[in-house]
Each structure stands twice: as structure tokens, then as C-alpha cells.
């Protein structure tokens, strides 16, 4: 074997050719593009699901009121109407008592979900302890209702308020932008920055959204 041939073989075995490196870079680019596209699709799905939650519950409440002339959860005739499921009745005062995240399943804010489920406006169990639990949202939080009272609590709202917790900052910003005024402190949609999961409803909203990539918001919408 000549010295020239030996040298050529060693140089070939010593590293990758430019073509091989180019192919690897293309593959890496495709993989990264696929990952980023997948993450964006997940984010868009969360945005869509959260908006559907707000719109769907609003329609369910309106439909319930049209049919039974009462608010779900506050309905004073629920027990007599549904003898098989035998849910508790509300007091009929036009106010849904209890926090959106209340741990007491006998509160009207939990009966709200059982009444809607029995009436067929919301999917889920109609009897047992699970019948009155909050439905989950797409972000791993919960969806709940609360009668906001200013200035004690309520993000500046008064009246019935629907809240969705643990919403990632990017999703919260998109929700407010798509269905309201993009401002966390004003309009029909408002939000508070979370420091814990499923926090109590605060008296005042956040002064503005900050997208850090790790922040979460409690996003609420007035009925």
C-alpha cells in the first residue's frame, strides 16, 4: 500500500465528511422544528379549550335558567324535581354561595355543577361525591364559579364569575386577547398572578400580564 493511499484512508476514517455533517444538521433542524411545532399545537389547544370552557358554561347557565327559572346551585326546587339523584337544593336567593375553589362540597358553588350535570347541560357524574366536584381545565387547574363581591373579593367584579385556575401566562394572554381587551385589570375577562395552585379569588387583578414562561394566572370572566 502506498503512503498516499494510507493517508487517504486515515483521513476518511478520522472524521465526518461535509455531506454527512450537513445531513446531521438537517435532521437536527427537522427534529427541533417538530418539537417546537408540537409545543405550539399544545398551547393552541389549551387556549381553545379554555375559551370553550368559558363559553360553554355561560350557555349552560342560560339554558338552565330558561328551563327551570333558577340558577344552578341556587335552585330551591332541585331536590323535589330530581327524586332519583336527590341533590341538595339551593336557597333560591339569586346568589351562589361558596368559593369557586371551596373544599366544602355542600356549598352552592359545588351544587352548581351537580345541577348542571343532572340537567344534562354539563357532562359528568350526577350522584355521589364526584357529582359536585369542579371540572378540570386543560392546564391542570379547575373551573369554578363564585359570586364576586367588591371590594372584599372578586377582581373588581360584581355578580356571578367563572374562574379557571393554573393557566400558563401565554395561554392567559391569548384568552384575554381573543375574547376581551388584552388587559388583566379591566373588561369582562380579568386575571390575577398565582403564587399557589388554585388560589382564592383576590380583591384586585394583576396590573398586567407578564410572560415569563413559568408564571400562572387565575383567569376569570364575568357572566
Protein backbone atom coordinates (compact mmCIF):
# COMPACT_ATOMS: atom_id res chain seq x y z
CA UNK A 1 0.00 0.00 0.00
CA UNK A 2 1.39 3.37 -0.95
CA UNK A 3 1.85 6.17 1.56
CA UNK A 4 -0.69 8.23 -0.37
CA UNK A 5 -3.40 5.56 -0.14
CA UNK A 6 -2.72 5.03 3.58
CA UNK A 7 -3.00 8.75 4.19
CA UNK A 8 -6.32 8.97 2.31
CA UNK A 9 -7.80 6.09 4.27
CA UNK A 10 -6.82 7.60 7.60
CA UNK A 11 -8.26 10.98 6.71
CA UNK A 12 -11.56 9.36 5.71
CA UNK A 13 -11.82 7.33 8.91
CA UNK A 14 -10.76 10.23 11.14
CA UNK A 15 -13.95 12.32 10.80
CA UNK A 16 -17.21 13.08 9.03
CA UNK A 17 -17.39 14.49 5.55
CA UNK A 18 -19.13 17.79 4.88
CA UNK A 19 -22.06 15.90 3.34
CA UNK A 20 -22.50 13.78 6.46
CA UNK A 21 -22.35 16.83 8.73
CA UNK A 22 -24.91 18.60 6.55
CA UNK A 23 -27.27 15.62 6.75
CA UNK A 24 -26.97 15.51 10.56
CA UNK A 25 -27.68 19.24 10.82
CA UNK A 26 -30.76 18.88 8.61
CA UNK A 27 -32.06 16.03 10.78
CA UNK A 28 -31.47 18.04 13.97
CA UNK A 29 -33.27 21.01 12.42
CA UNK A 30 -36.25 18.87 11.47
CA UNK A 31 -36.42 17.39 14.97
CA UNK A 32 -36.26 20.81 16.64
CA UNK A 33 -38.86 22.17 14.25
CA UNK A 34 -41.16 19.27 15.03
CA UNK A 35 -40.74 19.76 18.79
CA UNK A 36 -41.44 23.49 18.59
CA UNK A 37 -44.43 22.92 16.33
CA UNK A 38 -45.76 20.30 18.74
CA UNK A 39 -45.40 22.65 21.70
CA UNK A 40 -47.23 25.39 19.80
CA UNK A 41 -50.04 22.98 18.94
CA UNK A 42 -50.38 22.04 22.62
CA UNK A 43 -50.52 25.73 23.59
CA UNK A 44 -53.16 26.47 20.96
CA UNK A 45 -55.22 23.51 22.17
CA UNK A 46 -55.10 24.84 25.75
CA UNK A 47 -56.22 28.28 24.55
CA UNK A 48 -59.09 26.80 22.57
CA UNK A 49 -60.20 24.54 25.44
CA UNK A 50 -60.11 27.38 27.99
CA UNK A 51 -62.20 29.66 25.76
CA UNK A 52 -64.64 26.80 25.15
CA UNK A 53 -64.94 26.33 28.92
CA UNK A 54 -65.93 29.97 29.40
CA UNK A 55 -68.39 29.98 26.51
CA UNK A 56 -69.82 26.54 27.22
CA UNK A 57 -70.57 27.18 30.89
CA UNK A 58 -72.20 30.52 30.07
CA UNK A 59 -74.52 28.80 27.58
CA UNK A 60 -75.27 26.03 30.11
CA UNK A 61 -76.25 28.55 32.82
CA UNK A 62 -78.50 30.49 30.43
CA UNK A 63 -80.16 27.28 29.24
CA UNK A 64 -80.71 26.13 32.82
CA UNK A 65 -82.30 29.43 33.77
CA UNK A 66 -84.58 29.32 30.72
CA UNK A 67 -85.74 25.82 31.60
CA UNK A 68 -86.04 25.99 35.39
CA UNK A 69 -86.23 29.73 36.14
CA UNK A 70 -83.42 29.42 38.67
CA UNK A 71 -79.64 29.48 38.88
CA UNK A 72 -77.93 26.08 39.03
CA UNK A 73 -76.63 25.57 42.54
CA UNK A 74 -79.07 28.13 43.92
CA UNK A 75 -82.12 26.23 42.59
CA UNK A 76 -84.58 25.77 45.52
CA UNK A 77 -86.55 23.02 43.73
CA UNK A 78 -83.69 20.70 42.79
CA UNK A 79 -84.38 18.04 45.43
CA UNK A 80 -88.10 17.80 44.65
CA UNK A 81 -87.52 17.82 40.89
CA UNK A 82 -84.87 15.10 40.77
CA UNK A 83 -86.00 12.48 43.26
CA UNK A 84 -83.73 9.76 41.85
CA UNK A 85 -80.45 11.67 42.15
CA UNK A 86 -81.76 13.60 45.18
CA UNK A 87 -79.34 16.54 45.02
CA UNK A 88 -79.42 19.23 47.68
CA UNK A 89 -81.33 22.40 46.82
CA UNK A 90 -80.06 25.95 46.97
CA UNK A 91 -81.78 28.69 48.95
CA UNK A 92 -83.15 30.48 45.88
CA UNK A 93 -81.85 33.93 46.83
CA UNK A 94 -80.24 34.55 43.44
CA UNK A 95 -76.69 34.28 44.78
CA UNK A 96 -74.45 31.22 44.51
CA UNK A 97 -72.80 30.87 47.91
CA UNK A 98 -69.29 29.49 48.32
CA UNK A 99 -65.90 29.99 46.70
CA UNK A 100 -65.03 28.71 43.24
CA UNK A 101 -62.36 26.51 44.89
CA UNK A 102 -64.31 25.66 48.05
CA UNK A 103 -63.40 22.35 49.68
CA UNK A 104 -66.91 22.02 51.11
CA UNK A 105 -68.86 20.04 48.50
CA UNK A 106 -72.18 21.09 50.06
CA UNK A 107 -71.70 24.72 49.03
CA UNK A 108 -73.85 26.11 46.24
CA UNK A 109 -70.72 26.71 44.16
CA UNK A 110 -70.39 22.91 44.04
CA UNK A 111 -74.12 22.18 43.73
CA UNK A 112 -73.87 24.39 40.65
CA UNK A 113 -72.04 21.59 38.83
CA UNK A 114 -74.28 18.79 40.07
CA UNK A 115 -77.44 20.64 39.00
CA UNK A 116 -75.98 21.30 35.53
CA UNK A 117 -74.90 17.66 35.19
CA UNK A 118 -78.27 16.26 36.22
CA UNK A 119 -79.99 18.65 33.81
CA UNK A 120 -77.73 17.36 31.04
CA UNK A 121 -76.00 20.66 30.28
CA UNK A 122 -72.57 19.55 31.54
CA UNK A 123 -71.00 16.10 31.31
CA UNK A 124 -70.07 14.20 34.47
CA UNK A 125 -71.33 12.16 37.39
CA UNK A 126 -74.78 13.06 38.69
CA UNK A 127 -74.66 11.24 42.04
CA UNK A 128 -72.04 10.63 44.71
CA UNK A 129 -69.20 12.87 45.84
CA UNK A 130 -67.89 13.27 42.28
CA UNK A 131 -71.14 14.85 41.14
CA UNK A 132 -70.34 18.16 42.85
CA UNK A 133 -66.63 18.40 42.11
CA UNK A 134 -65.15 21.09 39.89
CA UNK A 135 -64.38 20.01 36.34
CA UNK A 136 -60.69 20.18 35.39
CA UNK A 137 -59.37 22.51 32.74
CA UNK A 138 -56.77 21.72 30.06
CA UNK A 139 -53.98 23.28 32.14
CA UNK A 140 -54.33 21.00 35.15
CA UNK A 141 -56.36 23.51 37.14
CA UNK A 142 -60.08 23.68 37.90
CA UNK A 143 -63.08 25.57 36.60
CA UNK A 144 -65.42 27.08 39.19
CA UNK A 145 -67.98 29.77 39.92
CA UNK A 146 -68.17 32.38 42.63
CA UNK A 147 -70.35 35.38 43.35
CA UNK A 148 -67.80 38.19 43.44
CA UNK A 149 -68.43 40.94 45.96
CA UNK A 150 -66.50 44.22 45.74
CA UNK A 151 -64.32 45.29 47.49
CA UNK A 152 -63.73 42.16 49.57
CA UNK A 153 -63.00 39.74 46.72
CA UNK A 154 -63.71 39.43 43.07
CA UNK A 155 -61.03 41.08 40.89
CA UNK A 156 -63.27 44.13 40.80
CA UNK A 157 -66.25 42.13 39.50
CA UNK A 158 -69.71 42.04 41.00
CA UNK A 159 -72.06 39.14 40.50
CA UNK A 160 -71.53 35.64 39.16
CA UNK A 161 -67.97 34.98 37.96
CA UNK A 162 -66.47 31.94 36.24
CA UNK A 163 -62.82 31.23 37.03
CA UNK A 164 -60.21 28.89 35.56
CA UNK A 165 -57.01 28.29 37.52
CA UNK A 166 -53.37 27.40 36.82
CA UNK A 167 -53.46 28.95 33.34
CA UNK A 168 -49.96 29.39 31.80
CA UNK A 169 -49.05 33.01 31.10
CA UNK A 170 -49.00 32.65 27.31
CA UNK A 171 -52.44 31.00 27.37
CA UNK A 172 -53.88 33.62 29.74
CA UNK A 173 -52.70 36.44 27.48
CA UNK A 174 -54.23 34.78 24.42
CA UNK A 175 -57.57 34.18 26.17
CA UNK A 176 -57.87 37.83 27.18
CA UNK A 177 -56.77 39.00 23.73
CA UNK A 178 -59.22 36.80 21.85
CA UNK A 179 -62.37 37.38 23.90
CA UNK A 180 -61.77 40.70 25.67
CA UNK A 181 -59.44 43.71 25.81
CA UNK A 182 -55.99 42.13 26.46
CA UNK A 183 -55.87 43.87 29.85
CA UNK A 184 -55.74 41.76 33.01
CA UNK A 185 -57.24 44.55 35.12
CA UNK A 186 -60.21 45.65 33.02
CA UNK A 187 -63.04 44.33 30.92
CA UNK A 188 -65.08 41.17 31.06
CA UNK A 189 -62.01 38.95 31.50
CA UNK A 190 -59.56 39.66 34.33
CA UNK A 191 -56.72 37.74 35.93
CA UNK A 192 -54.54 37.50 39.00
CA UNK A 193 -50.99 36.21 39.15
CA UNK A 194 -50.86 32.94 41.09
CA UNK A 195 -48.38 32.14 43.82
CA UNK A 196 -50.08 28.83 44.69
CA UNK A 197 -52.23 26.36 42.79
CA UNK A 198 -55.98 27.10 42.68
CA UNK A 199 -55.74 30.26 44.83
CA UNK A 200 -58.63 32.14 46.38
CA UNK A 201 -60.11 34.91 44.30
CA UNK A 202 -58.29 38.16 45.13
CA UNK A 203 -59.78 41.61 45.61
CA UNK A 204 -57.81 43.16 42.77
CA UNK A 205 -56.48 41.80 39.47
CA UNK A 206 -52.91 41.86 38.22
CA UNK A 207 -51.85 45.21 36.78
CA UNK A 208 -50.72 43.49 33.58
CA UNK A 209 -49.68 40.18 32.13
CA UNK A 210 -46.00 39.23 32.28
CA UNK A 211 -44.87 36.34 30.09
CA UNK A 212 -42.02 34.58 31.86
CA UNK A 213 -42.71 31.09 30.60
CA UNK A 214 -43.36 29.80 34.12
CA UNK A 215 -46.00 32.19 35.51
CA UNK A 216 -49.57 31.02 36.02
CA UNK A 217 -52.78 33.04 36.27
CA UNK A 218 -56.25 32.63 37.68
CA UNK A 219 -58.38 33.89 34.80
CA UNK A 220 -61.97 34.90 35.48
CA UNK A 221 -64.86 36.06 33.32
CA UNK A 222 -67.99 37.85 34.42
CA UNK A 223 -71.34 36.39 33.36
